[in-house]
Amino acid sequence: MEQVIFVQIKLSDLQDMIKKAVDDGVKDSFEKFVEPEPVLIDGDEMCAKFGVTHGTLQKWRDRKEIPFIQIGAVIRYDFNKIIKIKETKRKR
């Protein structure tokens, strides 16, 4: 049989506790579905961060292994997306 315990608490304190619990729950759920702001970096930064050559970046782009954005001759990489992809491949 369950025990029922009555505790005296101010209504404002109870409201604050409920509001905090709801806010935390909504925040946790929201963060799962919202992607972080893209961090766009150029080829030189990609090479430095991953320790690869520009030729390797070209191969990755040709094989569609990494996402990139190209406007004219300018190519940028979304660092957050690439990290996520590389981590997923590493887990396999």
C-alpha atoms as a PDB file:
ATOM      1  CA  MET A   1       0.000   0.000   0.000  1.00  0.00           C
ATOM      2  CA  GLU A   2       1.290   3.469  -0.891  1.00  0.00           C
ATOM      3  CA  GLN A   3       1.944   6.004   1.780  1.00  0.00           C
ATOM      4  CA  VAL A   4       0.539   9.477   1.363  1.00  0.00           C
ATOM      5  CA  ILE A   5       2.507  12.280   2.957  1.00  0.00           C
ATOM      6  CA  PHE A   6       1.173  15.806   3.297  1.00  0.00           C
ATOM      7  CA  VAL A   7       3.717  18.595   3.337  1.00  0.00           C
ATOM      8  CA  GLN A   8       3.025  22.222   4.005  1.00  0.00           C
ATOM      9  CA  ILE A   9       4.459  24.422   1.290  1.00  0.00           C
ATOM     10  CA  LYS A  10       3.669  27.927   0.150  1.00  0.00           C
ATOM     11  CA  LEU A  11       1.628  28.098  -3.020  1.00  0.00           C
ATOM     12  CA  SER A  12       4.208  30.385  -4.637  1.00  0.00           C
ATOM     13  CA  ASP A  13       6.983  27.857  -3.880  1.00  0.00           C
ATOM     14  CA  LEU A  14       4.910  25.046  -5.377  1.00  0.00           C
ATOM     15  CA  GLN A  15       4.222  27.151  -8.470  1.00  0.00           C
ATOM     16  CA  ASP A  16       7.942  27.911  -8.815  1.00  0.00           C
ATOM     17  CA  MET A  17       8.807  24.207  -8.516  1.00  0.00           C
ATOM     18  CA  ILE A  18       6.239  23.240 -11.152  1.00  0.00           C
ATOM     19  CA  LYS A  19       7.341  26.050 -13.489  1.00  0.00           C
ATOM     20  CA  LYS A  20      10.995  25.000 -13.197  1.00  0.00           C
ATOM     21  CA  ALA A  21      10.149  21.339 -13.865  1.00  0.00           C
ATOM     22  CA  VAL A  22       8.089  22.235 -16.931  1.00  0.00           C
ATOM     23  CA  ASP A  23      10.717  24.681 -18.240  1.00  0.00           C
ATOM     24  CA  ASP A  24      13.472  22.075 -17.833  1.00  0.00           C
ATOM     25  CA  GLY A  25      11.383  19.422 -19.582  1.00  0.00           C
ATOM     26  CA  VAL A  26      10.504  21.702 -22.480  1.00  0.00           C
ATOM     27  CA  LYS A  27      14.108  22.853 -22.830  1.00  0.00           C
ATOM     28  CA  ASP A  28      15.416  19.267 -22.921  1.00  0.00           C
ATOM     29  CA  SER A  29      12.819  18.247 -25.510  1.00  0.00           C
ATOM     30  CA  PHE A  30      13.402  21.360 -27.612  1.00  0.00           C
ATOM     31  CA  GLU A  31      17.183  20.872 -27.735  1.00  0.00           C
ATOM     32  CA  LYS A  32      16.728  17.376 -29.195  1.00  0.00           C
ATOM     33  CA  PHE A  33      14.885  18.734 -32.230  1.00  0.00           C
ATOM     34  CA  VAL A  34      16.674  22.020 -32.908  1.00  0.00           C
ATOM     35  CA  GLU A  35      20.003  21.948 -34.690  1.00  0.00           C
ATOM     36  CA  PRO A  36      22.701  24.339 -33.492  1.00  0.00           C
ATOM     37  CA  GLU A  37      23.636  27.364 -35.575  1.00  0.00           C
ATOM     38  CA  PRO A  38      25.933  26.351 -38.426  1.00  0.00           C
ATOM     39  CA  VAL A  39      29.606  27.089 -37.927  1.00  0.00           C
ATOM     40  CA  LEU A  40      30.839  27.680 -41.462  1.00  0.00           C
ATOM     41  CA  ILE A  41      34.553  27.226 -42.029  1.00  0.00           C
ATOM     42  CA  ASP A  42      36.705  27.316 -45.145  1.00  0.00           C
ATOM     43  CA  GLY A  43      38.910  24.618 -46.636  1.00  0.00           C
ATOM     44  CA  ASP A  44      42.059  25.749 -44.833  1.00  0.00           C
ATOM     45  CA  GLU A  45      40.320  25.485 -41.456  1.00  0.00           C
ATOM     46  CA  MET A  46      38.891  22.062 -42.374  1.00  0.00           C
ATOM     47  CA  CYS A  47      42.338  20.813 -43.335  1.00  0.00           C
ATOM     48  CA  ALA A  48      43.820  22.103 -40.090  1.00  0.00           C
ATOM     49  CA  LYS A  49      41.055  20.711 -37.855  1.00  0.00           C
ATOM     50  CA  PHE A  50      41.018  17.249 -39.458  1.00  0.00           C
ATOM     51  CA  GLY A  51      44.700  17.022 -40.386  1.00  0.00           C
ATOM     52  CA  VAL A  52      43.955  16.330 -44.059  1.00  0.00           C
ATOM     53  CA  THR A  53      44.957  17.857 -47.374  1.00  0.00           C
ATOM     54  CA  HIS A  54      42.830  19.877 -49.763  1.00  0.00           C
ATOM     55  CA  GLY A  55      42.891  16.827 -52.045  1.00  0.00           C
ATOM     56  CA  THR A  56      41.262  14.742 -49.317  1.00  0.00           C
ATOM     57  CA  LEU A  57      38.544  17.366 -48.903  1.00  0.00           C
ATOM     58  CA  GLN A  58      37.951  17.218 -52.654  1.00  0.00           C
ATOM     59  CA  LYS A  59      37.625  13.402 -52.476  1.00  0.00           C
ATOM     60  CA  TRP A  60      35.182  13.659 -49.569  1.00  0.00           C
ATOM     61  CA  ARG A  61      33.099  16.181 -51.529  1.00  0.00           C
ATOM     62  CA  ASP A  62      33.184  14.063 -54.704  1.00  0.00           C
ATOM     63  CA  ARG A  63      32.080  10.967 -52.744  1.00  0.00           C
ATOM     64  CA  LYS A  64      29.427  13.050 -50.952  1.00  0.00           C
ATOM     65  CA  GLU A  65      30.906  11.978 -47.606  1.00  0.00           C
ATOM     66  CA  ILE A  66      30.638  15.474 -46.135  1.00  0.00           C
ATOM     67  CA  PRO A  67      28.137  18.293 -46.627  1.00  0.00           C
ATOM     68  CA  PHE A  68      29.361  21.569 -48.053  1.00  0.00           C
ATOM     69  CA  ILE A  69      27.993  24.822 -49.372  1.00  0.00           C
ATOM     70  CA  GLN A  70      29.257  26.225 -52.647  1.00  0.00           C
ATOM     71  CA  ILE A  71      28.406  29.645 -54.006  1.00  0.00           C
ATOM     72  CA  GLY A  72      30.396  30.306 -57.140  1.00  0.00           C
ATOM     73  CA  ALA A  73      33.973  29.358 -56.391  1.00  0.00           C
ATOM     74  CA  VAL A  74      33.568  29.757 -52.615  1.00  0.00           C
ATOM     75  CA  ILE A  75      33.195  26.531 -50.612  1.00  0.00           C
ATOM     76  CA  ARG A  76      32.287  26.411 -46.930  1.00  0.00           C
ATOM     77  CA  TYR A  77      31.734  23.517 -44.553  1.00  0.00           C
ATOM     78  CA  ASP A  78      29.304  23.286 -41.636  1.00  0.00           C
ATOM     79  CA  PHE A  79      31.704  22.117 -38.948  1.00  0.00           C
ATOM     80  CA  ASN A  80      28.958  20.899 -36.554  1.00  0.00           C
ATOM     81  CA  LYS A  81      27.354  18.676 -39.208  1.00  0.00           C
ATOM     82  CA  ILE A  82      30.697  17.220 -40.254  1.00  0.00           C
ATOM     83  CA  ILE A  83      31.643  16.413 -36.652  1.00  0.00           C
ATOM     84  CA  LYS A  84      28.287  14.649 -36.217  1.00  0.00           C
ATOM     85  CA  ILE A  85      28.816  12.618 -39.423  1.00  0.00           C
ATOM     86  CA  LYS A  86      32.374  11.653 -38.495  1.00  0.00           C
ATOM     87  CA  GLU A  87      31.289  10.587 -34.988  1.00  0.00           C
ATOM     88  CA  THR A  88      28.493   8.448 -36.459  1.00  0.00           C
ATOM     89  CA  LYS A  89      30.927   6.744 -38.848  1.00  0.00           C
ATOM     90  CA  ARG A  90      33.397   6.164 -36.016  1.00  0.00           C
ATOM     91  CA  LYS A  91      30.746   4.330 -33.945  1.00  0.00           C
ATOM     92  CA  ARG A  92      30.155   1.762 -36.712  1.00  0.00           C
END
